[in-house]
Amino acid sequence: MDNRGHKSFRPKATKIRRAERTIHANTQTEATEHERNELATKANDRLLRSGAQIRDVYAWD
């Protein structure tokens, strides 16, 4: 399932438990936050690789 299009992020319980063990997270929140950060990093990488032009719309040029 592709989570990029969802407003609310809800990973499966098995993914959370696996992530908790993998990253040695103390809480479910830490594991979920880590996974959300991973998705954000991947999305950022996709944007940078796409060659999209990013400009400051508030610039006074």
PDB file of N, CA and C in Angstrom:
ATOM      1  N   MET A   1       0.837  -1.181   0.000  1.00  0.00           N
ATOM      2  CA  MET A   1       0.000   0.000   0.000  1.00  0.00           C
ATOM      3  C   MET A   1       0.876   1.236   0.000  1.00  0.00           C
ATOM      4  N   ASP A   2       0.576   2.184  -0.823  1.00  0.00           N
ATOM      5  CA  ASP A   2       1.353   3.407  -0.952  1.00  0.00           C
ATOM      6  C   ASP A   2       0.801   4.459   0.001  1.00  0.00           C
ATOM      7  N   ASN A   3       1.586   4.859   1.006  1.00  0.00           N
ATOM      8  CA  ASN A   3       1.124   5.786   2.033  1.00  0.00           C
ATOM      9  C   ASN A   3       1.312   7.253   1.653  1.00  0.00           C
ATOM     10  N   ARG A   4       1.911   7.538   0.494  1.00  0.00           N
ATOM     11  CA  ARG A   4       2.197   8.927   0.145  1.00  0.00           C
ATOM     12  C   ARG A   4       0.936   9.763  -0.019  1.00  0.00           C
ATOM     13  N   GLY A   5      -0.161   9.187  -0.452  1.00  0.00           N
ATOM     14  CA  GLY A   5      -1.360   9.945  -0.726  1.00  0.00           C
ATOM     15  C   GLY A   5      -2.288  10.114   0.465  1.00  0.00           C
ATOM     16  N   HIS A   6      -1.960   9.530   1.595  1.00  0.00           N
ATOM     17  CA  HIS A   6      -2.841   9.584   2.746  1.00  0.00           C
ATOM     18  C   HIS A   6      -2.513  10.776   3.633  1.00  0.00           C
ATOM     19  N   LYS A   7      -3.553  11.408   4.138  1.00  0.00           N
ATOM     20  CA  LYS A   7      -3.354  12.537   5.030  1.00  0.00           C
ATOM     21  C   LYS A   7      -2.869  12.049   6.396  1.00  0.00           C
ATOM     22  N   SER A   8      -3.442  10.971   6.888  1.00  0.00           N
ATOM     23  CA  SER A   8      -3.050  10.419   8.180  1.00  0.00           C
ATOM     24  C   SER A   8      -2.152   9.211   7.931  1.00  0.00           C
ATOM     25  N   PHE A   9      -1.060   9.165   8.660  1.00  0.00           N
ATOM     26  CA  PHE A   9      -0.106   8.075   8.504  1.00  0.00           C
ATOM     27  C   PHE A   9      -0.398   7.010   9.549  1.00  0.00           C
ATOM     28  N   ARG A  10      -0.758   5.794   9.109  1.00  0.00           N
ATOM     29  CA  ARG A  10      -1.072   4.696  10.024  1.00  0.00           C
ATOM     30  C   ARG A  10      -0.404   3.414   9.537  1.00  0.00           C
ATOM     31  N   PRO A  11       0.817   3.145   9.987  1.00  0.00           N
ATOM     32  CA  PRO A  11       1.468   1.903   9.577  1.00  0.00           C
ATOM     33  C   PRO A  11       0.846   0.695  10.279  1.00  0.00           C
ATOM     34  N   LYS A  12       1.046  -0.467   9.715  1.00  0.00           N
ATOM     35  CA  LYS A  12       0.523  -1.695  10.305  1.00  0.00           C
ATOM     36  C   LYS A  12       1.279  -2.005  11.596  1.00  0.00           C
ATOM     37  N   ALA A  13       0.605  -2.692  12.507  1.00  0.00           N
ATOM     38  CA  ALA A  13       1.188  -3.017  13.813  1.00  0.00           C
ATOM     39  C   ALA A  13       2.445  -3.864  13.665  1.00  0.00           C
ATOM     40  N   THR A  14       2.451  -4.791  12.710  1.00  0.00           N
ATOM     41  CA  THR A  14       3.631  -5.633  12.527  1.00  0.00           C
ATOM     42  C   THR A  14       4.826  -4.797  12.068  1.00  0.00           C
ATOM     43  N   LYS A  15       4.570  -3.803  11.221  1.00  0.00           N
ATOM     44  CA  LYS A  15       5.659  -2.931  10.786  1.00  0.00           C
ATOM     45  C   LYS A  15       6.208  -2.125  11.958  1.00  0.00           C
ATOM     46  N   ILE A  16       5.324  -1.677  12.830  1.00  0.00           N
ATOM     47  CA  ILE A  16       5.750  -0.890  13.993  1.00  0.00           C
ATOM     48  C   ILE A  16       6.616  -1.743  14.908  1.00  0.00           C
ATOM     49  N   ARG A  17       6.173  -2.962  15.207  1.00  0.00           N
ATOM     50  CA  ARG A  17       6.965  -3.831  16.091  1.00  0.00           C
ATOM     51  C   ARG A  17       8.323  -4.151  15.485  1.00  0.00           C
ATOM     52  N   ARG A  18       8.338  -4.417  14.179  1.00  0.00           N
ATOM     53  CA  ARG A  18       9.601  -4.706  13.507  1.00  0.00           C
ATOM     54  C   ARG A  18      10.530  -3.499  13.566  1.00  0.00           C
ATOM     55  N   ALA A  19       9.974  -2.313  13.322  1.00  0.00           N
ATOM     56  CA  ALA A  19      10.771  -1.088  13.371  1.00  0.00           C
ATOM     57  C   ALA A  19      11.291  -0.832  14.783  1.00  0.00           C
ATOM     58  N   GLU A  20      10.472  -1.076  15.789  1.00  0.00           N
ATOM     59  CA  GLU A  20      10.899  -0.894  17.175  1.00  0.00           C
ATOM     60  C   GLU A  20      12.118  -1.752  17.487  1.00  0.00           C
ATOM     61  N   ARG A  21      12.067  -3.006  17.051  1.00  0.00           N
ATOM     62  CA  ARG A  21      13.206  -3.907  17.296  1.00  0.00           C
ATOM     63  C   ARG A  21      14.430  -3.474  16.505  1.00  0.00           C
ATOM     64  N   THR A  22      14.216  -3.079  15.248  1.00  0.00           N
ATOM     65  CA  THR A  22      15.331  -2.728  14.377  1.00  0.00           C
ATOM     66  C   THR A  22      16.075  -1.497  14.863  1.00  0.00           C
ATOM     67  N   ILE A  23      15.334  -0.466  15.235  1.00  0.00           N
ATOM     68  CA  ILE A  23      15.994   0.789  15.635  1.00  0.00           C
ATOM     69  C   ILE A  23      16.123   0.929  17.144  1.00  0.00           C
ATOM     70  N   HIS A  24      15.767  -0.117  17.870  1.00  0.00           N
ATOM     71  CA  HIS A  24      15.844  -0.122  19.327  1.00  0.00           C
ATOM     72  C   HIS A  24      15.023   1.013  19.926  1.00  0.00           C
ATOM     73  N   ALA A  25      13.829   1.225  19.397  1.00  0.00           N
ATOM     74  CA  ALA A  25      12.942   2.276  19.887  1.00  0.00           C
ATOM     75  C   ALA A  25      12.316   1.846  21.211  1.00  0.00           C
ATOM     76  N   ASN A  26      12.178   2.804  22.097  1.00  0.00           N
ATOM     77  CA  ASN A  26      11.570   2.510  23.392  1.00  0.00           C
ATOM     78  C   ASN A  26      10.053   2.556  23.337  1.00  0.00           C
ATOM     79  N   THR A  27       9.516   3.309  22.408  1.00  0.00           N
ATOM     80  CA  THR A  27       8.061   3.449  22.331  1.00  0.00           C
ATOM     81  C   THR A  27       7.585   3.297  20.898  1.00  0.00           C
ATOM     82  N   GLN A  28       6.288   3.103  20.769  1.00  0.00           N
ATOM     83  CA  GLN A  28       5.675   3.005  19.450  1.00  0.00           C
ATOM     84  C   GLN A  28       5.780   4.348  18.720  1.00  0.00           C
ATOM     85  N   THR A  29       5.706   5.438  19.457  1.00  0.00           N
ATOM     86  CA  THR A  29       5.805   6.773  18.858  1.00  0.00           C
ATOM     87  C   THR A  29       7.161   6.969  18.203  1.00  0.00           C
ATOM     88  N   GLU A  30       8.225   6.536  18.869  1.00  0.00           N
ATOM     89  CA  GLU A  30       9.567   6.646  18.295  1.00  0.00           C
ATOM     90  C   GLU A  30       9.677   5.861  16.996  1.00  0.00           C
ATOM     91  N   ALA A  31       9.120   4.676  16.973  1.00  0.00           N
ATOM     92  CA  ALA A  31       9.174   3.835  15.777  1.00  0.00           C
ATOM     93  C   ALA A  31       8.382   4.469  14.638  1.00  0.00           C
ATOM     94  N   THR A  32       7.200   4.982  14.948  1.00  0.00           N
ATOM     95  CA  THR A  32       6.365   5.614  13.926  1.00  0.00           C
ATOM     96  C   THR A  32       7.037   6.875  13.394  1.00  0.00           C
ATOM     97  N   GLU A  33       7.615   7.658  14.280  1.00  0.00           N
ATOM     98  CA  GLU A  33       8.307   8.883  13.869  1.00  0.00           C
ATOM     99  C   GLU A  33       9.493   8.559  12.972  1.00  0.00           C
ATOM    100  N   HIS A  34      10.229   7.513  13.324  1.00  0.00           N
ATOM    101  CA  HIS A  34      11.368   7.099  12.509  1.00  0.00           C
ATOM    102  C   HIS A  34      10.915   6.697  11.108  1.00  0.00           C
ATOM    103  N   GLU A  35       9.836   5.924  11.025  1.00  0.00           N
ATOM    104  CA  GLU A  35       9.328   5.483   9.725  1.00  0.00           C
ATOM    105  C   GLU A  35       8.820   6.679   8.911  1.00  0.00           C
ATOM    106  N   ARG A  36       8.162   7.615   9.566  1.00  0.00           N
ATOM    107  CA  ARG A  36       7.665   8.815   8.885  1.00  0.00           C
ATOM    108  C   ARG A  36       8.834   9.641   8.355  1.00  0.00           C
ATOM    109  N   ASN A  37       9.902   9.740   9.124  1.00  0.00           N
ATOM    110  CA  ASN A  37      11.103  10.453   8.667  1.00  0.00           C
ATOM    111  C   ASN A  37      11.735   9.770   7.462  1.00  0.00           C
ATOM    112  N   GLU A  38      11.738   8.435   7.466  1.00  0.00           N
ATOM    113  CA  GLU A  38      12.272   7.686   6.328  1.00  0.00           C
ATOM    114  C   GLU A  38      11.463   7.979   5.062  1.00  0.00           C
ATOM    115  N   LEU A  39      10.132   8.004   5.183  1.00  0.00           N
ATOM    116  CA  LEU A  39       9.284   8.308   4.032  1.00  0.00           C
ATOM    117  C   LEU A  39       9.516   9.729   3.530  1.00  0.00           C
ATOM    118  N   ALA A  40       9.704  10.669   4.450  1.00  0.00           N
ATOM    119  CA  ALA A  40       9.962  12.061   4.059  1.00  0.00           C
ATOM    120  C   ALA A  40      11.306  12.173   3.341  1.00  0.00           C
ATOM    121  N   THR A  41      12.302  11.458   3.815  1.00  0.00           N
ATOM    122  CA  THR A  41      13.613  11.473   3.174  1.00  0.00           C
ATOM    123  C   THR A  41      13.533  10.902   1.767  1.00  0.00           C
ATOM    124  N   LYS A  42      12.809   9.800   1.610  1.00  0.00           N
ATOM    125  CA  LYS A  42      12.660   9.204   0.281  1.00  0.00           C
ATOM    126  C   LYS A  42      11.922  10.145  -0.665  1.00  0.00           C
ATOM    127  N   ALA A  43      10.882  10.817  -0.164  1.00  0.00           N
ATOM    128  CA  ALA A  43      10.132  11.761  -0.992  1.00  0.00           C
ATOM    129  C   ALA A  43      11.019  12.930  -1.403  1.00  0.00           C
ATOM    130  N   ASN A  44      11.831  13.411  -0.488  1.00  0.00           N
ATOM    131  CA  ASN A  44      12.753  14.504  -0.781  1.00  0.00           C
ATOM    132  C   ASN A  44      13.769  14.075  -1.839  1.00  0.00           C
ATOM    133  N   ASP A  45      14.289  12.869  -1.719  1.00  0.00           N
ATOM    134  CA  ASP A  45      15.237  12.351  -2.703  1.00  0.00           C
ATOM    135  C   ASP A  45      14.601  12.247  -4.090  1.00  0.00           C
ATOM    136  N   ARG A  46      13.344  11.776  -4.134  1.00  0.00           N
ATOM    137  CA  ARG A  46      12.635  11.693  -5.418  1.00  0.00           C
ATOM    138  C   ARG A  46      12.481  13.079  -6.042  1.00  0.00           C
ATOM    139  N   LEU A  47      12.166  14.066  -5.225  1.00  0.00           N
ATOM    140  CA  LEU A  47      12.009  15.433  -5.724  1.00  0.00           C
ATOM    141  C   LEU A  47      13.321  15.955  -6.286  1.00  0.00           C
ATOM    142  N   LEU A  48      14.405  15.743  -5.579  1.00  0.00           N
ATOM    143  CA  LEU A  48      15.704  16.231  -6.037  1.00  0.00           C
ATOM    144  C   LEU A  48      16.146  15.532  -7.320  1.00  0.00           C
ATOM    145  N   ARG A  49      15.892  14.228  -7.426  1.00  0.00           N
ATOM    146  CA  ARG A  49      16.276  13.481  -8.624  1.00  0.00           C
ATOM    147  C   ARG A  49      15.409  13.841  -9.826  1.00  0.00           C
ATOM    148  N   SER A  50      14.212  14.356  -9.588  1.00  0.00           N
ATOM    149  CA  SER A  50      13.305  14.677 -10.689  1.00  0.00           C
ATOM    150  C   SER A  50      13.773  15.878 -11.502  1.00  0.00           C
ATOM    151  N   GLY A  51      14.656  16.684 -10.925  1.00  0.00           N
ATOM    152  CA  GLY A  51      15.151  17.858 -11.624  1.00  0.00           C
ATOM    153  C   GLY A  51      14.192  19.036 -11.573  1.00  0.00           C
ATOM    154  N   ALA A  52      13.208  18.982 -10.696  1.00  0.00           N
ATOM    155  CA  ALA A  52      12.234  20.063 -10.585  1.00  0.00           C
ATOM    156  C   ALA A  52      12.928  21.351 -10.146  1.00  0.00           C
ATOM    157  N   GLN A  53      12.471  22.454 -10.696  1.00  0.00           N
ATOM    158  CA  GLN A  53      12.993  23.764 -10.326  1.00  0.00           C
ATOM    159  C   GLN A  53      12.251  24.260  -9.084  1.00  0.00           C
ATOM    160  N   ILE A  54      12.983  24.601  -8.051  1.00  0.00           N
ATOM    161  CA  ILE A  54      12.382  25.119  -6.831  1.00  0.00           C
ATOM    162  C   ILE A  54      12.797  26.574  -6.712  1.00  0.00           C
ATOM    163  N   ARG A  55      11.795  27.442  -6.569  1.00  0.00           N
ATOM    164  CA  ARG A  55      12.119  28.857  -6.444  1.00  0.00           C
ATOM    165  C   ARG A  55      11.341  29.462  -5.294  1.00  0.00           C
ATOM    166  N   ASP A  56      11.855  30.531  -4.779  1.00  0.00           N
ATOM    167  CA  ASP A  56      11.234  31.240  -3.669  1.00  0.00           C
ATOM    168  C   ASP A  56      10.146  32.149  -4.212  1.00  0.00           C
ATOM    169  N   VAL A  57       8.899  31.856  -3.937  1.00  0.00           N
ATOM    170  CA  VAL A  57       7.798  32.657  -4.473  1.00  0.00           C
ATOM    171  C   VAL A  57       7.645  33.979  -3.729  1.00  0.00           C
ATOM    172  N   TYR A  58       8.311  34.124  -2.602  1.00  0.00           N
ATOM    173  CA  TYR A  58       8.230  35.360  -1.848  1.00  0.00           C
ATOM    174  C   TYR A  58       9.446  36.263  -2.083  1.00  0.00           C
ATOM    175  N   ALA A  59      10.321  35.863  -2.978  1.00  0.00           N
ATOM    176  CA  ALA A  59      11.520  36.660  -3.256  1.00  0.00           C
ATOM    177  C   ALA A  59      11.144  37.988  -3.918  1.00  0.00           C
ATOM    178  N   TRP A  60      11.914  39.022  -3.674  1.00  0.00           N
ATOM    179  CA  TRP A  60      11.658  40.357  -4.189  1.00  0.00           C
ATOM    180  C   TRP A  60      12.442  40.640  -5.455  1.00  0.00           C
ATOM    181  N   ASP A  61      12.739  39.631  -6.259  1.00  0.00           N
ATOM    182  CA  ASP A  61      13.539  39.828  -7.464  1.00  0.00           C
ATOM    183  C   ASP A  61      12.791  40.575  -8.519  1.00  0.00           C
TER     184      ASP A  61
END
